[in-house]
Amino acid sequence: MKKIVSLMLSCVLCLAMGATAFAEESGSQTVADKLQSVEKFMYGTEQAGALVSRLDNLEKDVLGQQTSGAVMSRVDNVYNAIKGVPSDGSLSIATKLNAVEWQFADRMSTEPAKTRIETLEQIMNGAPNTTGSLLGRINSLTSTAFASGSITGNKVVLPKDSLLKVKFMSDISSKANQMGEQIDFVVDDNVYVGETLVLPKGAKGYGTIKKIVPARSFGRDARIDLDFSHVIAIDGTKVPVYVGELAKQEAKTVAGAAGASIGGMIIFGPIGVVGGAFVKGQSVTIPAGTNTFVQVTKDTEVNGIIQSGGGVVVPKENVIAPAAVNQSNTTTVVKNNKTTKAAKANNAVTTVNEDNTTTTVNAEHGTDDEK
């Protein structure tokens, strides 16, 4: 009897593991999960009531009419219209909304989509549109924002180790802030893969204050460690980022004499600001507007946008090639799965060695190890 029970439990466990693996492989969500996701995106919170009545209201609000058919199919349709990736080159509501905001304000808001649409209508038309579906209203805004051309979707891969320039939007202080607080930063340059815009200037970033070490005796300054998590691409994809050796070296190269190291991270302020401006007495402050660099943690697929017409020119310094990272004043060469980065601005070369350590050589000052 024990053997039979044991065998049955083993079978159940195998089936459960198989089901879990299938769900993870397909990346599927339940009907309730998808409905909740789009409600939070559109309105900021999950709506009250039975699932079917919530779906009816969402369809009327977004699509302009209630549809018929299986609930699962209806949820899939409205989810794809709002947050999906159409295969015909068209764009989801989320992508269009991000593109319009970027076009007019160099930013991507985190407010509910319905609020964002109303705000854009107020700015562009003088008053919110109280009639029509949200899909029709965002289509109208898109036509106005890109009147001299058009935008289409294009799936690309943002390569691992792509360098992103980011900007802090509020002060971070060892006196005023606490461990675990969210850091407010955005992408500070448009980022393209080829001709496809994947990260618009103003794209929101997420991270936290990992650690704050207060000022100590013997003149030791305070320390702030920051944990960068991800930035939001134009289609809503979470692009994971971190401060790796390439990001530190790029920030060091760009900052020059104006840079300061905070928690092992190189940051730099406006032109003319000296490094000591970031450290006042024993406290540490990173002022709003300060820049640094992060790098992409892994290859990440994004449904970006391509602009056509209207004399659109993609700045070469903001373009990332699919097979390599190309930044202003830098070159990155991938060879034998190892990366060698040449920073032309100060003749420094940082090499990732076979044991994953780094060696930095400066023609004027020697290697880091020699200092």
Foldseek 3Di string as FASTA:
>chain_A
DVVVVVVVVVVVVVVVVVVVVVCVVVVDDDLVVLLQVLCCQAPVGGDDDDPVVSLQVLCCQAVVHGDDDDSSVSSVVSSCQAQNDDPPFAAHLLLLLLVLCCLPPLAGDPHRPNVSLQVLCCVPPVGGDPDDHNNVSSVVSSCVSQVQWHKTWDKAKDAFFAKFKKFFAAKDKLPPDDFFAKTWMAGQDFAAAVQFTWGTRHFTWIWTFHDWAPFDPPQAAIATDIATAFTQTSSRDTFGKGADPVQQVVLCLVAPQQWEAGNNHIKGADPPHGHCVQGDRRMGMDGGGIMTMITTHHIDMGTTMHIDGPPDDDDPQNYQYRVGHHHPQKGWDADPNWIWIARNSQRWIWGQDPVRDIWIQGPVPGIPVVD
